[in-house]
C-alpha atoms as a PDB file:
ATOM      1  CA  UNK A   1     -57.011  -3.473  64.802  1.00  0.00           C
ATOM      2  CA  UNK A   2     -55.563  -5.829  67.387  1.00  0.00           C
ATOM      3  CA  UNK A   3     -55.955  -9.483  68.342  1.00  0.00           C
ATOM      4  CA  UNK A   4     -55.977 -10.680  71.937  1.00  0.00           C
ATOM      5  CA  UNK A   5     -55.430 -14.341  72.803  1.00  0.00           C
ATOM      6  CA  UNK A   6     -56.069 -15.282  76.430  1.00  0.00           C
ATOM      7  CA  UNK A   7     -55.287 -18.655  78.023  1.00  0.00           C
ATOM      8  CA  UNK A   8     -55.969 -20.416  74.718  1.00  0.00           C
ATOM      9  CA  UNK A   9     -56.021 -24.228  74.773  1.00  0.00           C
ATOM     10  CA  UNK A  10     -56.691 -26.594  71.878  1.00  0.00           C
ATOM     11  CA  UNK A  11     -56.891 -30.313  72.615  1.00  0.00           C
ATOM     12  CA  UNK A  12     -57.827 -32.820  69.919  1.00  0.00           C
ATOM     13  CA  UNK A  13     -59.934 -35.981  70.280  1.00  0.00           C
ATOM     14  CA  UNK A  14     -56.778 -38.106  70.566  1.00  0.00           C
ATOM     15  CA  UNK A  15     -55.995 -36.051  73.708  1.00  0.00           C
ATOM     16  CA  UNK A  16     -53.031 -34.310  72.060  1.00  0.00           C
ATOM     17  CA  UNK A  17     -52.801 -30.696  73.240  1.00  0.00           C
ATOM     18  CA  UNK A  18     -51.591 -28.533  70.340  1.00  0.00           C
ATOM     19  CA  UNK A  19     -51.917 -25.200  72.180  1.00  0.00           C
ATOM     20  CA  UNK A  20     -51.449 -25.151  75.929  1.00  0.00           C
ATOM     21  CA  UNK A  21     -52.807 -22.139  77.890  1.00  0.00           C
ATOM     22  CA  UNK A  22     -51.224 -19.599  75.514  1.00  0.00           C
ATOM     23  CA  UNK A  23     -51.722 -15.840  75.752  1.00  0.00           C
ATOM     24  CA  UNK A  24     -50.617 -13.234  73.210  1.00  0.00           C
ATOM     25  CA  UNK A  25     -51.321  -9.704  71.978  1.00  0.00           C
ATOM     26  CA  UNK A  26     -50.971  -9.157  68.222  1.00  0.00           C
ATOM     27  CA  UNK A  27     -50.853  -5.414  67.458  1.00  0.00           C
ATOM     28  CA  UNK A  28     -51.307  -3.511  64.205  1.00  0.00           C
ATOM     29  CA  UNK A  29     -48.505  -3.939  61.664  1.00  0.00           C
ATOM     30  CA  UNK A  30     -46.570  -7.066  60.687  1.00  0.00           C
ATOM     31  CA  UNK A  31     -46.224  -9.568  63.517  1.00  0.00           C
ATOM     32  CA  UNK A  32     -43.906 -12.539  63.021  1.00  0.00           C
ATOM     33  CA  UNK A  33     -44.632 -16.079  64.159  1.00  0.00           C
ATOM     34  CA  UNK A  34     -41.753 -18.523  64.562  1.00  0.00           C
ATOM     35  CA  UNK A  35     -41.579 -22.112  65.717  1.00  0.00           C
ATOM     36  CA  UNK A  36     -40.420 -25.570  64.751  1.00  0.00           C
ATOM     37  CA  UNK A  37     -42.751 -28.048  63.045  1.00  0.00           C
ATOM     38  CA  UNK A  38     -45.298 -29.219  65.594  1.00  0.00           C
ATOM     39  CA  UNK A  39     -44.964 -26.083  67.733  1.00  0.00           C
ATOM     40  CA  UNK A  40     -48.661 -25.230  67.324  1.00  0.00           C
ATOM     41  CA  UNK A  41     -48.435 -22.477  64.699  1.00  0.00           C
ATOM     42  CA  UNK A  42     -50.816 -24.094  62.192  1.00  0.00           C
ATOM     43  CA  UNK A  43     -53.343 -24.888  64.931  1.00  0.00           C
ATOM     44  CA  UNK A  44     -53.189 -21.269  66.089  1.00  0.00           C
ATOM     45  CA  UNK A  45     -53.808 -20.015  62.541  1.00  0.00           C
ATOM     46  CA  UNK A  46     -56.744 -22.405  62.153  1.00  0.00           C
ATOM     47  CA  UNK A  47     -58.266 -20.935  65.310  1.00  0.00           C
ATOM     48  CA  UNK A  48     -57.647 -17.365  64.123  1.00  0.00           C
ATOM     49  CA  UNK A  49     -59.330 -18.108  60.786  1.00  0.00           C
ATOM     50  CA  UNK A  50     -62.372 -19.697  62.560  1.00  0.00           C
ATOM     51  CA  UNK A  51     -61.639 -23.114  60.989  1.00  0.00           C
ATOM     52  CA  UNK A  52     -61.086 -24.584  64.454  1.00  0.00           C
ATOM     53  CA  UNK A  53     -62.817 -23.747  67.725  1.00  0.00           C
ATOM     54  CA  UNK A  54     -60.690 -23.585  70.880  1.00  0.00           C
ATOM     55  CA  UNK A  55     -61.145 -26.078  73.691  1.00  0.00           C
ATOM     56  CA  UNK A  56     -60.709 -23.344  76.272  1.00  0.00           C
ATOM     57  CA  UNK A  57     -59.684 -19.698  76.570  1.00  0.00           C
ATOM     58  CA  UNK A  58     -60.688 -16.813  74.310  1.00  0.00           C
ATOM     59  CA  UNK A  59     -59.699 -14.849  71.218  1.00  0.00           C
ATOM     60  CA  UNK A  60     -60.948 -11.362  70.337  1.00  0.00           C
ATOM     61  CA  UNK A  61     -60.495  -9.444  67.092  1.00  0.00           C
ATOM     62  CA  UNK A  62     -60.717  -5.695  67.641  1.00  0.00           C
ATOM     63  CA  UNK A  63     -62.865  -6.404  70.712  1.00  0.00           C
ATOM     64  CA  UNK A  64     -65.093  -8.945  68.920  1.00  0.00           C
ATOM     65  CA  UNK A  65     -65.137 -12.340  70.631  1.00  0.00           C
ATOM     66  CA  UNK A  66     -64.453 -15.434  68.538  1.00  0.00           C
ATOM     67  CA  UNK A  67     -67.731 -17.320  68.891  1.00  0.00           C
ATOM     68  CA  UNK A  68     -70.028 -19.094  66.450  1.00  0.00           C
ATOM     69  CA  UNK A  69     -72.414 -16.146  66.429  1.00  0.00           C
ATOM     70  CA  UNK A  70     -69.610 -13.810  65.341  1.00  0.00           C
ATOM     71  CA  UNK A  71     -67.801 -16.082  62.874  1.00  0.00           C
ATOM     72  CA  UNK A  72     -69.491 -14.578  59.784  1.00  0.00           C
ATOM     73  CA  UNK A  73     -68.460 -11.046  60.787  1.00  0.00           C
ATOM     74  CA  UNK A  74     -64.937 -12.161  61.679  1.00  0.00           C
ATOM     75  CA  UNK A  75     -64.476 -14.044  58.390  1.00  0.00           C
ATOM     76  CA  UNK A  76     -65.276 -10.854  56.455  1.00  0.00           C
ATOM     77  CA  UNK A  77     -62.394  -9.133  58.228  1.00  0.00           C
ATOM     78  CA  UNK A  78     -59.848 -11.905  57.540  1.00  0.00           C
ATOM     79  CA  UNK A  79     -57.630 -12.899  54.611  1.00  0.00           C
ATOM     80  CA  UNK A  80     -55.707 -16.186  54.758  1.00  0.00           C
ATOM     81  CA  UNK A  81     -52.898 -17.778  52.782  1.00  0.00           C
ATOM     82  CA  UNK A  82     -52.477 -21.354  54.104  1.00  0.00           C
ATOM     83  CA  UNK A  83     -49.307 -23.386  53.614  1.00  0.00           C
ATOM     84  CA  UNK A  84     -51.158 -25.701  51.231  1.00  0.00           C
ATOM     85  CA  UNK A  85     -53.710 -24.007  49.000  1.00  0.00           C
ATOM     86  CA  UNK A  86     -56.120 -25.657  46.554  1.00  0.00           C
ATOM     87  CA  UNK A  87     -56.801 -23.432  43.558  1.00  0.00           C
ATOM     88  CA  UNK A  88     -58.792 -24.311  40.445  1.00  0.00           C
ATOM     89  CA  UNK A  89     -56.279 -26.119  38.184  1.00  0.00           C
ATOM     90  CA  UNK A  90     -58.218 -25.771  34.906  1.00  0.00           C
ATOM     91  CA  UNK A  91     -58.924 -22.043  35.260  1.00  0.00           C
ATOM     92  CA  UNK A  92     -56.490 -19.368  34.158  1.00  0.00           C
ATOM     93  CA  UNK A  93     -54.955 -17.118  36.806  1.00  0.00           C
ATOM     94  CA  UNK A  94     -57.319 -14.295  35.783  1.00  0.00           C
ATOM     95  CA  UNK A  95     -60.390 -16.562  35.751  1.00  0.00           C
ATOM     96  CA  UNK A  96     -59.483 -18.099  39.113  1.00  0.00           C
ATOM     97  CA  UNK A  97     -59.075 -14.730  40.823  1.00  0.00           C
ATOM     98  CA  UNK A  98     -62.258 -13.308  39.268  1.00  0.00           C
ATOM     99  CA  UNK A  99     -64.194 -16.361  40.417  1.00  0.00           C
ATOM    100  CA  UNK A 100     -62.819 -15.955  43.954  1.00  0.00           C
ATOM    101  CA  UNK A 101     -63.708 -12.264  43.791  1.00  0.00           C
ATOM    102  CA  UNK A 102     -67.299 -13.212  42.887  1.00  0.00           C
ATOM    103  CA  UNK A 103     -67.454 -15.693  45.769  1.00  0.00           C
ATOM    104  CA  UNK A 104     -66.264 -12.979  48.165  1.00  0.00           C
ATOM    105  CA  UNK A 105     -69.145 -10.716  47.185  1.00  0.00           C
ATOM    106  CA  UNK A 106     -66.830  -7.888  46.103  1.00  0.00           C
ATOM    107  CA  UNK A 107     -68.318  -5.647  43.372  1.00  0.00           C
ATOM    108  CA  UNK A 108     -66.951  -6.686  39.964  1.00  0.00           C
ATOM    109  CA  UNK A 109     -65.375  -3.344  39.104  1.00  0.00           C
ATOM    110  CA  UNK A 110     -63.528  -3.248  42.436  1.00  0.00           C
ATOM    111  CA  UNK A 111     -62.154  -6.799  42.373  1.00  0.00           C
ATOM    112  CA  UNK A 112     -61.044  -6.445  38.731  1.00  0.00           C
ATOM    113  CA  UNK A 113     -59.032  -3.351  39.635  1.00  0.00           C
ATOM    114  CA  UNK A 114     -57.537  -5.087  42.677  1.00  0.00           C
ATOM    115  CA  UNK A 115     -56.624  -8.144  40.586  1.00  0.00           C
ATOM    116  CA  UNK A 116     -54.880  -5.908  38.051  1.00  0.00           C
ATOM    117  CA  UNK A 117     -52.981  -4.104  40.836  1.00  0.00           C
ATOM    118  CA  UNK A 118     -51.874  -7.246  42.688  1.00  0.00           C
ATOM    119  CA  UNK A 119     -50.934  -9.127  39.517  1.00  0.00           C
ATOM    120  CA  UNK A 120     -48.562  -6.278  38.767  1.00  0.00           C
ATOM    121  CA  UNK A 121     -47.219  -6.153  42.340  1.00  0.00           C
ATOM    122  CA  UNK A 122     -46.497  -9.906  42.319  1.00  0.00           C
ATOM    123  CA  UNK A 123     -45.045  -9.959  38.762  1.00  0.00           C
ATOM    124  CA  UNK A 124     -47.833 -12.201  37.486  1.00  0.00           C
ATOM    125  CA  UNK A 125     -49.391  -9.894  34.865  1.00  0.00           C
ATOM    126  CA  UNK A 126     -47.743 -11.699  31.944  1.00  0.00           C
ATOM    127  CA  UNK A 127     -48.885 -15.068  33.366  1.00  0.00           C
ATOM    128  CA  UNK A 128     -52.544 -14.145  33.910  1.00  0.00           C
ATOM    129  CA  UNK A 129     -53.733 -16.243  30.942  1.00  0.00           C
ATOM    130  CA  UNK A 130     -51.916 -19.390  32.066  1.00  0.00           C
ATOM    131  CA  UNK A 131     -53.899 -22.164  33.699  1.00  0.00           C
ATOM    132  CA  UNK A 132     -53.223 -22.708  37.386  1.00  0.00           C
ATOM    133  CA  UNK A 133     -51.963 -26.244  36.671  1.00  0.00           C
ATOM    134  CA  UNK A 134     -49.252 -24.771  34.403  1.00  0.00           C
ATOM    135  CA  UNK A 135     -47.778 -22.614  37.157  1.00  0.00           C
ATOM    136  CA  UNK A 136     -44.704 -23.325  39.256  1.00  0.00           C
ATOM    137  CA  UNK A 137     -45.097 -23.756  42.999  1.00  0.00           C
ATOM    138  CA  UNK A 138     -43.824 -20.218  43.606  1.00  0.00           C
ATOM    139  CA  UNK A 139     -46.331 -18.744  41.152  1.00  0.00           C
ATOM    140  CA  UNK A 140     -49.186 -20.624  42.827  1.00  0.00           C
ATOM    141  CA  UNK A 141     -48.088 -19.125  46.168  1.00  0.00           C
ATOM    142  CA  UNK A 142     -48.336 -15.664  44.643  1.00  0.00           C
ATOM    143  CA  UNK A 143     -51.809 -16.350  43.252  1.00  0.00           C
ATOM    144  CA  UNK A 144     -52.783 -17.638  46.690  1.00  0.00           C
ATOM    145  CA  UNK A 145     -51.512 -14.432  48.265  1.00  0.00           C
ATOM    146  CA  UNK A 146     -53.579 -12.337  45.844  1.00  0.00           C
ATOM    147  CA  UNK A 147     -56.750 -14.251  46.774  1.00  0.00           C
ATOM    148  CA  UNK A 148     -56.001 -13.529  50.449  1.00  0.00           C
ATOM    149  CA  UNK A 149     -55.631  -9.815  49.674  1.00  0.00           C
ATOM    150  CA  UNK A 150     -58.670  -9.429  47.396  1.00  0.00           C
ATOM    151  CA  UNK A 151     -61.124  -8.333  50.093  1.00  0.00           C
ATOM    152  CA  UNK A 152     -58.462  -6.025  51.606  1.00  0.00           C
ATOM    153  CA  UNK A 153     -58.836  -7.700  55.020  1.00  0.00           C
ATOM    154  CA  UNK A 154     -58.244  -5.929  58.303  1.00  0.00           C
ATOM    155  CA  UNK A 155     -56.422  -9.035  59.545  1.00  0.00           C
ATOM    156  CA  UNK A 156     -54.209 -10.922  57.072  1.00  0.00           C
ATOM    157  CA  UNK A 157     -52.725 -14.303  58.028  1.00  0.00           C
ATOM    158  CA  UNK A 158     -49.981 -15.651  55.786  1.00  0.00           C
ATOM    159  CA  UNK A 159     -48.275 -19.009  56.244  1.00  0.00           C
ATOM    160  CA  UNK A 160     -44.898 -19.282  54.473  1.00  0.00           C
ATOM    161  CA  UNK A 161     -45.760 -16.694  51.764  1.00  0.00           C
ATOM    162  CA  UNK A 162     -42.255 -16.677  50.230  1.00  0.00           C
ATOM    163  CA  UNK A 163     -41.844 -20.455  49.822  1.00  0.00           C
ATOM    164  CA  UNK A 164     -40.615 -21.322  46.328  1.00  0.00           C
ATOM    165  CA  UNK A 165     -39.799 -17.719  45.374  1.00  0.00           C
ATOM    166  CA  UNK A 166     -36.485 -16.494  44.024  1.00  0.00           C
ATOM    167  CA  UNK A 167     -34.635 -13.766  46.010  1.00  0.00           C
ATOM    168  CA  UNK A 168     -36.044 -10.862  43.963  1.00  0.00           C
ATOM    169  CA  UNK A 169     -39.626 -12.116  44.275  1.00  0.00           C
ATOM    170  CA  UNK A 170     -39.204 -12.685  48.011  1.00  0.00           C
ATOM    171  CA  UNK A 171     -38.210  -9.048  48.401  1.00  0.00           C
ATOM    172  CA  UNK A 172     -41.229  -7.919  46.322  1.00  0.00           C
ATOM    173  CA  UNK A 173     -43.637  -9.972  48.423  1.00  0.00           C
ATOM    174  CA  UNK A 174     -42.083  -8.753  51.671  1.00  0.00           C
ATOM    175  CA  UNK A 175     -42.399  -5.149  50.538  1.00  0.00           C
ATOM    176  CA  UNK A 176     -45.997  -5.732  49.461  1.00  0.00           C
ATOM    177  CA  UNK A 177     -46.844  -7.093  52.913  1.00  0.00           C
ATOM    178  CA  UNK A 178     -45.119  -4.162  54.625  1.00  0.00           C
ATOM    179  CA  UNK A 179     -47.132  -1.674  52.540  1.00  0.00           C
ATOM    180  CA  UNK A 180     -50.341  -3.609  53.166  1.00  0.00           C
ATOM    181  CA  UNK A 181     -49.773  -3.620  56.932  1.00  0.00           C
ATOM    182  CA  UNK A 182     -49.762   0.176  57.333  1.00  0.00           C
ATOM    183  CA  UNK A 183     -53.305   0.369  58.705  1.00  0.00           C
ATOM    184  CA  UNK A 184     -53.867  -3.350  59.237  1.00  0.00           C
ATOM    185  CA  UNK A 185     -52.583  -6.394  61.110  1.00  0.00           C
ATOM    186  CA  UNK A 186     -50.542  -9.052  59.305  1.00  0.00           C
ATOM    187  CA  UNK A 187     -49.573 -12.320  61.002  1.00  0.00           C
ATOM    188  CA  UNK A 188     -46.514 -13.589  59.131  1.00  0.00           C
ATOM    189  CA  UNK A 189     -45.656 -17.227  59.901  1.00  0.00           C
ATOM    190  CA  UNK A 190     -42.424 -18.477  58.358  1.00  0.00           C
ATOM    191  CA  UNK A 191     -39.278 -20.558  58.860  1.00  0.00           C
ATOM    192  CA  UNK A 192     -37.243 -17.961  56.932  1.00  0.00           C
ATOM    193  CA  UNK A 193     -35.844 -15.735  59.666  1.00  0.00           C
ATOM    194  CA  UNK A 194     -34.374 -13.361  57.090  1.00  0.00           C
ATOM    195  CA  UNK A 195     -37.933 -12.498  55.993  1.00  0.00           C
ATOM    196  CA  UNK A 196     -38.955 -11.593  59.536  1.00  0.00           C
ATOM    197  CA  UNK A 197     -35.791  -9.601  60.168  1.00  0.00           C
ATOM    198  CA  UNK A 198     -36.586  -7.567  57.031  1.00  0.00           C
ATOM    199  CA  UNK A 199     -40.277  -6.924  57.802  1.00  0.00           C
ATOM    200  CA  UNK A 200     -41.191  -7.257  61.490  1.00  0.00           C
ATOM    201  CA  UNK A 201     -40.659  -5.182  64.599  1.00  0.00           C
ATOM    202  CA  UNK A 202     -42.641  -7.607  66.773  1.00  0.00           C
ATOM    203  CA  UNK A 203     -42.727 -11.401  66.853  1.00  0.00           C
ATOM    204  CA  UNK A 204     -43.577 -14.453  68.936  1.00  0.00           C
ATOM    205  CA  UNK A 205     -41.763 -17.771  69.223  1.00  0.00           C
ATOM    206  CA  UNK A 206     -43.790 -20.944  69.828  1.00  0.00           C
ATOM    207  CA  UNK A 207     -42.658 -24.289  71.176  1.00  0.00           C
ATOM    208  CA  UNK A 208     -44.860 -27.219  72.231  1.00  0.00           C
ATOM    209  CA  UNK A 209     -48.016 -25.138  72.184  1.00  0.00           C
ATOM    210  CA  UNK A 210     -46.701 -22.262  74.277  1.00  0.00           C
ATOM    211  CA  UNK A 211     -45.077 -18.916  73.590  1.00  0.00           C
ATOM    212  CA  UNK A 212     -41.444 -18.893  74.645  1.00  0.00           C
ATOM    213  CA  UNK A 213     -41.113 -15.254  73.672  1.00  0.00           C
ATOM    214  CA  UNK A 214     -43.327 -12.379  72.535  1.00  0.00           C
ATOM    215  CA  UNK A 215     -41.944  -8.905  71.998  1.00  0.00           C
ATOM    216  CA  UNK A 216     -39.706  -6.818  69.792  1.00  0.00           C
ATOM    217  CA  UNK A 217     -37.033  -8.171  67.453  1.00  0.00           C
ATOM    218  CA  UNK A 218     -34.507  -5.820  69.066  1.00  0.00           C
ATOM    219  CA  UNK A 219     -35.231  -7.221  72.547  1.00  0.00           C
ATOM    220  CA  UNK A 220     -34.810 -10.777  71.276  1.00  0.00           C
ATOM    221  CA  UNK A 221     -31.455  -9.821  69.766  1.00  0.00           C
ATOM    222  CA  UNK A 222     -30.495  -8.226  73.092  1.00  0.00           C
ATOM    223  CA  UNK A 223     -31.344 -11.542  74.780  1.00  0.00           C
ATOM    224  CA  UNK A 224     -28.660 -13.206  72.647  1.00  0.00           C
ATOM    225  CA  UNK A 225     -26.064 -10.496  73.195  1.00  0.00           C
ATOM    226  CA  UNK A 226     -22.743 -11.892  74.414  1.00  0.00           C
ATOM    227  CA  UNK A 227     -23.527 -15.536  73.661  1.00  0.00           C
ATOM    228  CA  UNK A 228     -22.190 -15.769  70.074  1.00  0.00           C
ATOM    229  CA  UNK A 229     -18.560 -16.693  69.414  1.00  0.00           C
ATOM    230  CA  UNK A 230     -16.624 -17.057  66.169  1.00  0.00           C
ATOM    231  CA  UNK A 231     -14.199 -19.968  66.126  1.00  0.00           C
ATOM    232  CA  UNK A 232     -11.870 -21.186  63.359  1.00  0.00           C
ATOM    233  CA  UNK A 233      -9.931 -24.455  63.381  1.00  0.00           C
ATOM    234  CA  UNK A 234      -7.882 -26.395  60.851  1.00  0.00           C
ATOM    235  CA  UNK A 235      -8.383 -29.645  62.768  1.00  0.00           C
ATOM    236  CA  UNK A 236     -11.501 -31.663  61.787  1.00  0.00           C
ATOM    237  CA  UNK A 237     -11.250 -33.694  65.019  1.00  0.00           C
ATOM    238  CA  UNK A 238     -11.346 -30.511  67.107  1.00  0.00           C
ATOM    239  CA  UNK A 239     -14.295 -29.268  65.026  1.00  0.00           C
ATOM    240  CA  UNK A 240     -16.246 -32.444  65.854  1.00  0.00           C
ATOM    241  CA  UNK A 241     -15.402 -32.092  69.536  1.00  0.00           C
ATOM    242  CA  UNK A 242     -16.655 -28.493  69.521  1.00  0.00           C
ATOM    243  CA  UNK A 243     -19.896 -29.578  67.808  1.00  0.00           C
ATOM    244  CA  UNK A 244     -20.437 -32.256  70.453  1.00  0.00           C
ATOM    245  CA  UNK A 245     -19.818 -29.856  73.312  1.00  0.00           C
ATOM    246  CA  UNK A 246     -21.536 -26.635  72.178  1.00  0.00           C
ATOM    247  CA  UNK A 247     -24.621 -25.427  70.319  1.00  0.00           C
ATOM    248  CA  UNK A 248     -23.529 -24.418  66.801  1.00  0.00           C
ATOM    249  CA  UNK A 249     -25.618 -21.983  64.715  1.00  0.00           C
ATOM    250  CA  UNK A 250     -23.404 -22.013  61.593  1.00  0.00           C
ATOM    251  CA  UNK A 251     -20.513 -23.955  60.122  1.00  0.00           C
ATOM    252  CA  UNK A 252     -18.564 -23.119  57.003  1.00  0.00           C
ATOM    253  CA  UNK A 253     -15.409 -24.307  55.273  1.00  0.00           C
ATOM    254  CA  UNK A 254     -13.203 -21.279  54.621  1.00  0.00           C
ATOM    255  CA  UNK A 255      -9.681 -20.705  53.259  1.00  0.00           C
ATOM    256  CA  UNK A 256      -8.021 -20.994  56.652  1.00  0.00           C
ATOM    257  CA  UNK A 257     -10.036 -23.958  57.940  1.00  0.00           C
ATOM    258  CA  UNK A 258     -13.484 -24.584  59.429  1.00  0.00           C
ATOM    259  CA  UNK A 259     -15.351 -21.551  60.740  1.00  0.00           C
ATOM    260  CA  UNK A 260     -18.077 -22.059  63.365  1.00  0.00           C
ATOM    261  CA  UNK A 261     -20.522 -19.870  65.276  1.00  0.00           C
ATOM    262  CA  UNK A 262     -20.776 -21.129  68.838  1.00  0.00           C
ATOM    263  CA  UNK A 263     -23.709 -20.222  71.099  1.00  0.00           C
ATOM    264  CA  UNK A 264     -22.645 -20.228  74.735  1.00  0.00           C
ATOM    265  CA  UNK A 265     -23.276 -18.012  77.780  1.00  0.00           C
ATOM    266  CA  UNK A 266     -19.739 -18.644  78.969  1.00  0.00           C
ATOM    267  CA  UNK A 267     -16.721 -18.023  76.748  1.00  0.00           C
ATOM    268  CA  UNK A 268     -15.670 -21.378  75.249  1.00  0.00           C
ATOM    269  CA  UNK A 269     -12.352 -22.768  76.478  1.00  0.00           C
ATOM    270  CA  UNK A 270     -10.537 -22.121  73.196  1.00  0.00           C
ATOM    271  CA  UNK A 271      -9.308 -19.239  71.091  1.00  0.00           C
ATOM    272  CA  UNK A 272     -12.483 -17.595  69.790  1.00  0.00           C
ATOM    273  CA  UNK A 273     -13.837 -14.077  69.292  1.00  0.00           C
ATOM    274  CA  UNK A 274     -17.193 -12.530  70.313  1.00  0.00           C
ATOM    275  CA  UNK A 275     -19.613 -11.916  67.423  1.00  0.00           C
ATOM    276  CA  UNK A 276     -22.806  -9.923  66.953  1.00  0.00           C
ATOM    277  CA  UNK A 277     -25.981 -11.991  67.329  1.00  0.00           C
ATOM    278  CA  UNK A 278     -28.348 -12.468  64.406  1.00  0.00           C
ATOM    279  CA  UNK A 279     -32.053 -13.261  64.679  1.00  0.00           C
ATOM    280  CA  UNK A 280     -31.203 -16.864  63.785  1.00  0.00           C
ATOM    281  CA  UNK A 281     -28.677 -17.084  66.639  1.00  0.00           C
ATOM    282  CA  UNK A 282     -31.228 -15.676  69.102  1.00  0.00           C
ATOM    283  CA  UNK A 283     -33.980 -18.048  67.918  1.00  0.00           C
ATOM    284  CA  UNK A 284     -31.765 -21.151  68.140  1.00  0.00           C
ATOM    285  CA  UNK A 285     -30.477 -20.172  71.577  1.00  0.00           C
ATOM    286  CA  UNK A 286     -33.963 -19.411  72.874  1.00  0.00           C
ATOM    287  CA  UNK A 287     -35.482 -22.683  71.680  1.00  0.00           C
ATOM    288  CA  UNK A 288     -32.617 -24.857  72.948  1.00  0.00           C
ATOM    289  CA  UNK A 289     -32.142 -23.508  76.480  1.00  0.00           C
END
């Protein structure tokens, strides 16, 4: 299962171009999608879920062209967790998921077993009798993820799946997605770089409707090799000067002063030490130069 995007363009009626001649290959496994707000990620996901038709270019899912005649077939292969999801507030978690299972046309015995399995995997079993309107935001995200998984899609698209979750639950959801992606494709869009570092081997970075980078996480880290410097100062004035002069990926007050991570191709003209690049360093450097 693979997705091929070729020269994709999406322009809205107000003449704003959200995706600008973008091309990308999304292979089997978990594929990360990064980008600032307004980069075009949501528009791309709307195209991939058949909600939005492209202005130009093409998308194929396992060789099947995205076209109106194929949308029904494509939709049966897709699961989607949007950033904002409307569930049924007056139904219980169990009732909501069973209703969605019915709507999906999954045999009752099968969807009931899947609901039981995913409730356990997302730590929602003890909350299954609560009404949706009684749930926290993080719990609603987990219910939304279960609905996206119910038909065991070949292509799962998840937008910020760990928003509102505590650290333990984030790890559970990440592990669930990794297990699910063994024989499938998962597009994982998030602002939490730690989640991608823990789950993805491949990712793409979007900015202004185009892909700045598409490839392996290790290659992106290699791109940032030699550009990260650790600097500590006790002088707040010097710290401000450094911030004005260089790109800073982290700043922290420590025992011996103010510690900063400077991103610069050339060694800064001060006493600093080279540091290993993180995915966050590489992303910030890539999107700012």
